[in-house]
Amino acid sequence: MEPFILSPQDQTADEGNITVLECVTGRGAPPPILYWEKDGTKHTGGMVTEVLFGEVGQDGHEQRSSNVQIVASLESAGLYRCAAENPLTKHVIFSENARLTVEGLYHEFS
């Protein structure tokens, strides 16, 4: 399995807004299992979309694209990375980390 060709990028979001982090794997066969991590542990929040990126090669190698949509909250701030696991060998390759910074909304009450 090849390294990631696109890692998620650092982002700053206002609390309550939706932000999207994206990654694209290198080529691999069999197709990798993708998942996201937040602060070093498997991330189960947000809505994840995964699609084939490009075409499957004659040798069965393919690339995958994954994005995760996150509703920005103070709890969702942190370091995110994409993981690609070979389902046969269980070898995992990680993307670079991306920092999600969330700015809180300040309300004045009268």
N, C-alpha and C. Protein backbone atom coordinates (compact mmCIF):
# COMPACT_ATOMS: atom_id res chain seq x y z
N MET A 1 0.85 -1.17 0.00
CA MET A 1 0.00 0.00 0.00
C MET A 1 0.90 1.23 0.00
N GLU A 2 0.59 2.17 -0.88
CA GLU A 2 1.37 3.39 -1.00
C GLU A 2 0.90 4.44 0.01
N PRO A 3 1.75 5.43 0.30
CA PRO A 3 1.36 6.50 1.23
C PRO A 3 0.19 7.32 0.68
N PHE A 4 -0.44 8.07 1.56
CA PHE A 4 -1.54 8.95 1.17
C PHE A 4 -1.05 9.99 0.17
N ILE A 5 -1.88 10.29 -0.83
CA ILE A 5 -1.53 11.35 -1.77
C ILE A 5 -2.18 12.67 -1.38
N LEU A 6 -3.20 12.61 -0.53
CA LEU A 6 -3.82 13.83 -0.01
C LEU A 6 -4.17 13.62 1.45
N SER A 7 -3.63 14.47 2.31
CA SER A 7 -3.94 14.43 3.75
C SER A 7 -4.91 15.55 4.08
N PRO A 8 -5.67 15.40 5.17
CA PRO A 8 -6.57 16.49 5.57
C PRO A 8 -5.76 17.73 5.93
N GLN A 9 -6.38 18.89 5.80
CA GLN A 9 -5.72 20.17 6.04
C GLN A 9 -6.26 20.81 7.32
N ASP A 10 -5.40 21.57 8.01
CA ASP A 10 -5.83 22.31 9.20
C ASP A 10 -7.01 23.21 8.84
N GLN A 11 -7.97 23.31 9.76
CA GLN A 11 -9.14 24.14 9.53
C GLN A 11 -9.55 24.83 10.82
N THR A 12 -10.15 26.01 10.65
CA THR A 12 -10.78 26.72 11.76
C THR A 12 -12.25 26.89 11.40
N ALA A 13 -13.14 26.53 12.32
CA ALA A 13 -14.57 26.61 12.05
C ALA A 13 -15.27 27.27 13.22
N ASP A 14 -16.33 27.98 12.91
CA ASP A 14 -17.18 28.55 13.96
C ASP A 14 -18.05 27.45 14.54
N GLU A 15 -18.27 27.52 15.83
CA GLU A 15 -19.10 26.53 16.51
C GLU A 15 -20.46 26.45 15.83
N GLY A 16 -20.92 25.23 15.56
CA GLY A 16 -22.22 25.01 14.94
C GLY A 16 -22.15 24.84 13.43
N ASN A 17 -21.07 25.27 12.80
CA ASN A 17 -20.92 25.11 11.36
C ASN A 17 -20.41 23.72 11.03
N ILE A 18 -20.67 23.29 9.80
CA ILE A 18 -20.17 21.99 9.34
C ILE A 18 -18.83 22.21 8.65
N THR A 19 -17.87 21.37 8.98
CA THR A 19 -16.57 21.40 8.34
C THR A 19 -16.29 20.02 7.76
N VAL A 20 -15.49 19.96 6.69
CA VAL A 20 -15.21 18.70 6.01
C VAL A 20 -13.70 18.49 5.96
N LEU A 21 -13.27 17.31 6.36
CA LEU A 21 -11.88 16.89 6.23
C LEU A 21 -11.83 15.79 5.17
N GLU A 22 -10.79 15.82 4.32
CA GLU A 22 -10.71 14.88 3.21
C GLU A 22 -9.32 14.26 3.12
N CYS A 23 -9.28 13.01 2.65
CA CYS A 23 -8.02 12.34 2.39
C CYS A 23 -8.16 11.46 1.16
N VAL A 24 -7.04 11.15 0.52
CA VAL A 24 -7.00 10.23 -0.62
C VAL A 24 -5.81 9.30 -0.40
N THR A 25 -6.07 8.00 -0.47
CA THR A 25 -5.02 7.01 -0.26
C THR A 25 -4.13 6.89 -1.49
N GLY A 26 -2.98 6.28 -1.28
CA GLY A 26 -2.18 5.83 -2.40
C GLY A 26 -2.81 4.54 -2.94
N ARG A 27 -2.18 3.95 -3.94
CA ARG A 27 -2.71 2.72 -4.52
C ARG A 27 -2.46 1.54 -3.60
N GLY A 28 -3.42 0.63 -3.57
CA GLY A 28 -3.27 -0.56 -2.76
C GLY A 28 -4.17 -1.68 -3.23
N ALA A 29 -3.74 -2.91 -3.01
CA ALA A 29 -4.56 -4.08 -3.29
C ALA A 29 -4.29 -5.07 -2.17
N PRO A 30 -5.30 -5.61 -1.55
CA PRO A 30 -6.71 -5.33 -1.78
C PRO A 30 -7.06 -3.91 -1.33
N PRO A 31 -8.27 -3.45 -1.70
CA PRO A 31 -8.65 -2.10 -1.30
C PRO A 31 -8.56 -1.93 0.21
N PRO A 32 -8.00 -0.79 0.67
CA PRO A 32 -7.85 -0.59 2.12
C PRO A 32 -9.19 -0.31 2.80
N ILE A 33 -9.23 -0.59 4.07
CA ILE A 33 -10.35 -0.19 4.92
C ILE A 33 -9.97 1.17 5.49
N LEU A 34 -10.81 2.17 5.27
CA LEU A 34 -10.51 3.52 5.74
C LEU A 34 -11.30 3.85 6.99
N TYR A 35 -10.66 4.59 7.88
CA TYR A 35 -11.34 5.14 9.04
C TYR A 35 -10.62 6.40 9.48
N TRP A 36 -11.27 7.17 10.32
CA TRP A 36 -10.71 8.43 10.83
C TRP A 36 -10.36 8.28 12.30
N GLU A 37 -9.30 8.97 12.70
CA GLU A 37 -8.93 9.05 14.11
C GLU A 37 -8.96 10.50 14.55
N LYS A 38 -9.35 10.70 15.80
CA LYS A 38 -9.30 12.02 16.44
C LYS A 38 -8.47 11.87 17.70
N ASP A 39 -7.43 12.67 17.80
CA ASP A 39 -6.54 12.64 18.97
C ASP A 39 -6.03 11.23 19.27
N GLY A 40 -5.75 10.45 18.20
CA GLY A 40 -5.13 9.14 18.36
C GLY A 40 -6.07 7.98 18.61
N THR A 41 -7.39 8.23 18.65
CA THR A 41 -8.34 7.13 18.82
C THR A 41 -9.36 7.16 17.68
N LYS A 42 -9.95 6.00 17.40
CA LYS A 42 -10.90 5.89 16.30
C LYS A 42 -12.04 6.88 16.51
N HIS A 43 -12.33 7.63 15.45
CA HIS A 43 -13.39 8.65 15.49
C HIS A 43 -14.67 8.05 14.94
N THR A 44 -15.73 8.09 15.73
CA THR A 44 -16.99 7.50 15.30
C THR A 44 -18.06 8.55 15.04
N GLY A 45 -17.73 9.82 15.21
CA GLY A 45 -18.71 10.87 14.97
C GLY A 45 -18.67 11.37 13.54
N GLY A 46 -19.59 12.24 13.22
CA GLY A 46 -19.63 12.83 11.89
C GLY A 46 -20.18 11.88 10.85
N MET A 47 -20.33 12.39 9.64
CA MET A 47 -20.82 11.58 8.53
C MET A 47 -19.64 11.32 7.59
N VAL A 48 -19.32 10.06 7.38
CA VAL A 48 -18.17 9.68 6.56
C VAL A 48 -18.64 9.20 5.20
N THR A 49 -17.98 9.70 4.15
CA THR A 49 -18.24 9.27 2.78
C THR A 49 -16.95 8.72 2.21
N GLU A 50 -17.03 7.56 1.57
CA GLU A 50 -15.86 6.93 0.97
C GLU A 50 -16.19 6.53 -0.46
N VAL A 51 -15.31 6.87 -1.40
CA VAL A 51 -15.54 6.53 -2.80
C VAL A 51 -14.23 6.07 -3.45
N LEU A 52 -14.37 5.36 -4.56
CA LEU A 52 -13.23 4.98 -5.38
C LEU A 52 -12.66 6.25 -5.99
N PHE A 53 -11.35 6.40 -5.96
CA PHE A 53 -10.70 7.57 -6.53
C PHE A 53 -9.98 7.12 -7.79
N GLY A 54 -10.40 7.60 -8.95
CA GLY A 54 -9.81 7.15 -10.20
C GLY A 54 -10.37 5.80 -10.59
N GLU A 55 -9.56 5.01 -11.28
CA GLU A 55 -10.00 3.71 -11.77
C GLU A 55 -9.17 2.60 -11.15
N VAL A 56 -9.76 1.40 -11.10
CA VAL A 56 -9.05 0.24 -10.61
C VAL A 56 -8.04 -0.17 -11.67
N GLY A 57 -6.78 -0.35 -11.25
CA GLY A 57 -5.74 -0.77 -12.19
C GLY A 57 -5.89 -2.22 -12.59
N GLN A 58 -5.21 -2.62 -13.65
CA GLN A 58 -5.28 -4.00 -14.12
C GLN A 58 -4.77 -4.98 -13.08
N ASP A 59 -3.90 -4.51 -12.20
CA ASP A 59 -3.36 -5.37 -11.15
C ASP A 59 -4.24 -5.39 -9.90
N GLY A 60 -5.42 -4.76 -9.98
CA GLY A 60 -6.35 -4.74 -8.85
C GLY A 60 -6.09 -3.64 -7.85
N HIS A 61 -5.04 -2.84 -8.07
CA HIS A 61 -4.75 -1.73 -7.17
C HIS A 61 -5.77 -0.62 -7.38
N GLU A 62 -6.13 0.02 -6.31
CA GLU A 62 -7.04 1.16 -6.40
C GLU A 62 -6.73 2.17 -5.30
N GLN A 63 -7.28 3.35 -5.50
CA GLN A 63 -7.17 4.42 -4.51
C GLN A 63 -8.57 4.73 -3.99
N ARG A 64 -8.64 5.19 -2.74
CA ARG A 64 -9.91 5.54 -2.12
C ARG A 64 -9.84 6.97 -1.62
N SER A 65 -10.97 7.64 -1.67
CA SER A 65 -11.11 8.98 -1.12
C SER A 65 -12.10 8.90 0.02
N SER A 66 -11.82 9.60 1.10
CA SER A 66 -12.73 9.62 2.23
C SER A 66 -12.85 11.04 2.75
N ASN A 67 -14.06 11.42 3.13
CA ASN A 67 -14.21 12.68 3.84
C ASN A 67 -15.15 12.48 5.01
N VAL A 68 -14.95 13.30 6.01
CA VAL A 68 -15.79 13.26 7.19
C VAL A 68 -16.35 14.67 7.41
N GLN A 69 -17.67 14.74 7.57
CA GLN A 69 -18.34 16.01 7.86
C GLN A 69 -18.56 16.08 9.37
N ILE A 70 -18.11 17.16 9.95
CA ILE A 70 -18.17 17.32 11.41
C ILE A 70 -18.90 18.61 11.73
N VAL A 71 -19.87 18.54 12.64
CA VAL A 71 -20.49 19.75 13.15
C VAL A 71 -19.54 20.29 14.21
N ALA A 72 -19.00 21.47 13.95
CA ALA A 72 -17.98 22.04 14.82
C ALA A 72 -18.55 22.36 16.21
N SER A 73 -17.89 21.84 17.20
CA SER A 73 -18.22 22.14 18.60
C SER A 73 -16.91 22.19 19.36
N LEU A 74 -16.94 22.71 20.55
CA LEU A 74 -15.70 22.76 21.33
C LEU A 74 -15.16 21.35 21.57
N GLU A 75 -16.06 20.35 21.66
CA GLU A 75 -15.64 18.96 21.87
C GLU A 75 -15.04 18.34 20.61
N SER A 76 -15.40 18.85 19.43
CA SER A 76 -14.88 18.26 18.20
C SER A 76 -13.50 18.80 17.81
N ALA A 77 -13.03 19.82 18.49
CA ALA A 77 -11.70 20.36 18.21
C ALA A 77 -10.64 19.32 18.53
N GLY A 78 -9.58 19.28 17.73
CA GLY A 78 -8.49 18.34 17.99
C GLY A 78 -7.74 17.98 16.74
N LEU A 79 -6.92 16.93 16.84
CA LEU A 79 -6.11 16.45 15.71
C LEU A 79 -6.81 15.27 15.05
N TYR A 80 -6.97 15.36 13.73
CA TYR A 80 -7.62 14.31 12.95
C TYR A 80 -6.62 13.75 11.94
N ARG A 81 -6.76 12.46 11.64
CA ARG A 81 -6.01 11.85 10.57
C ARG A 81 -6.81 10.68 10.00
N CYS A 82 -6.51 10.36 8.77
CA CYS A 82 -7.16 9.26 8.07
C CYS A 82 -6.26 8.04 8.18
N ALA A 83 -6.85 6.87 8.33
CA ALA A 83 -6.11 5.63 8.41
C ALA A 83 -6.56 4.69 7.31
N ALA A 84 -5.61 4.01 6.68
CA ALA A 84 -5.89 3.01 5.64
C ALA A 84 -5.30 1.69 6.11
N GLU A 85 -6.17 0.70 6.31
CA GLU A 85 -5.72 -0.60 6.82
C GLU A 85 -5.86 -1.66 5.73
N ASN A 86 -4.79 -2.42 5.52
CA ASN A 86 -4.85 -3.55 4.61
C ASN A 86 -5.66 -4.65 5.30
N PRO A 87 -6.78 -5.09 4.70
CA PRO A 87 -7.63 -6.07 5.38
C PRO A 87 -6.98 -7.45 5.54
N LEU A 88 -5.94 -7.75 4.77
CA LEU A 88 -5.28 -9.05 4.89
C LEU A 88 -4.15 -9.02 5.91
N THR A 89 -3.27 -8.03 5.80
CA THR A 89 -2.10 -7.98 6.68
C THR A 89 -2.34 -7.18 7.95
N LYS A 90 -3.41 -6.38 7.97
CA LYS A 90 -3.74 -5.48 9.09
C LYS A 90 -2.73 -4.34 9.24
N HIS A 91 -1.83 -4.17 8.25
CA HIS A 91 -0.88 -3.06 8.25
C HIS A 91 -1.65 -1.76 8.03
N VAL A 92 -1.34 -0.73 8.83
CA VAL A 92 -2.06 0.54 8.76
C VAL A 92 -1.09 1.65 8.35
N ILE A 93 -1.54 2.48 7.43
CA ILE A 93 -0.81 3.68 7.03
C ILE A 93 -1.68 4.87 7.40
N PHE A 94 -1.04 5.92 7.94
CA PHE A 94 -1.77 7.11 8.37
C PHE A 94 -1.46 8.30 7.48
N SER A 95 -2.46 9.17 7.32
CA SER A 95 -2.23 10.46 6.66
C SER A 95 -1.53 11.38 7.65
N GLU A 96 -1.16 12.56 7.18
CA GLU A 96 -0.66 13.58 8.09
C GLU A 96 -1.81 14.04 8.98
N ASN A 97 -1.48 14.61 10.13
CA ASN A 97 -2.50 15.15 11.04
C ASN A 97 -3.02 16.49 10.55
N ALA A 98 -4.27 16.76 10.86
CA ALA A 98 -4.86 18.08 10.60
C ALA A 98 -5.50 18.55 11.91
N ARG A 99 -5.27 19.79 12.24
CA ARG A 99 -5.85 20.36 13.46
C ARG A 99 -7.15 21.06 13.13
N LEU A 100 -8.22 20.67 13.83
CA LEU A 100 -9.50 21.37 13.73
C LEU A 100 -9.61 22.28 14.94
N THR A 101 -9.65 23.58 14.67
CA THR A 101 -9.82 24.58 15.72
C THR A 101 -11.24 25.09 15.63
N VAL A 102 -11.93 25.12 16.75
CA VAL A 102 -13.31 25.59 16.78
C VAL A 102 -13.40 26.84 17.62
N GLU A 103 -13.95 27.87 17.02
CA GLU A 103 -14.13 29.15 17.72
C GLU A 103 -15.57 29.19 18.25
N GLY A 104 -15.69 29.47 19.55
CA GLY A 104 -17.00 29.52 20.18
C GLY A 104 -17.76 30.77 19.82
N LEU A 105 -19.07 30.67 19.87
CA LEU A 105 -19.94 31.81 19.63
C LEU A 105 -20.24 32.46 20.97
N TYR A 106 -20.17 33.76 20.99
CA TYR A 106 -20.43 34.47 22.23
C TYR A 106 -21.76 35.20 22.11
N HIS A 107 -22.61 34.93 23.05
CA HIS A 107 -23.94 35.52 23.05
C HIS A 107 -24.05 36.52 24.21
N GLU A 108 -24.65 37.64 23.93
CA GLU A 108 -24.93 38.61 25.00
C GLU A 108 -26.39 38.48 25.40
N PHE A 109 -26.60 38.33 26.66
CA PHE A 109 -27.96 38.24 27.17
C PHE A 109 -28.28 39.52 27.90
N SER A 110 -29.47 40.06 27.65
CA SER A 110 -29.85 41.30 28.34
C SER A 110 -30.86 41.03 29.42
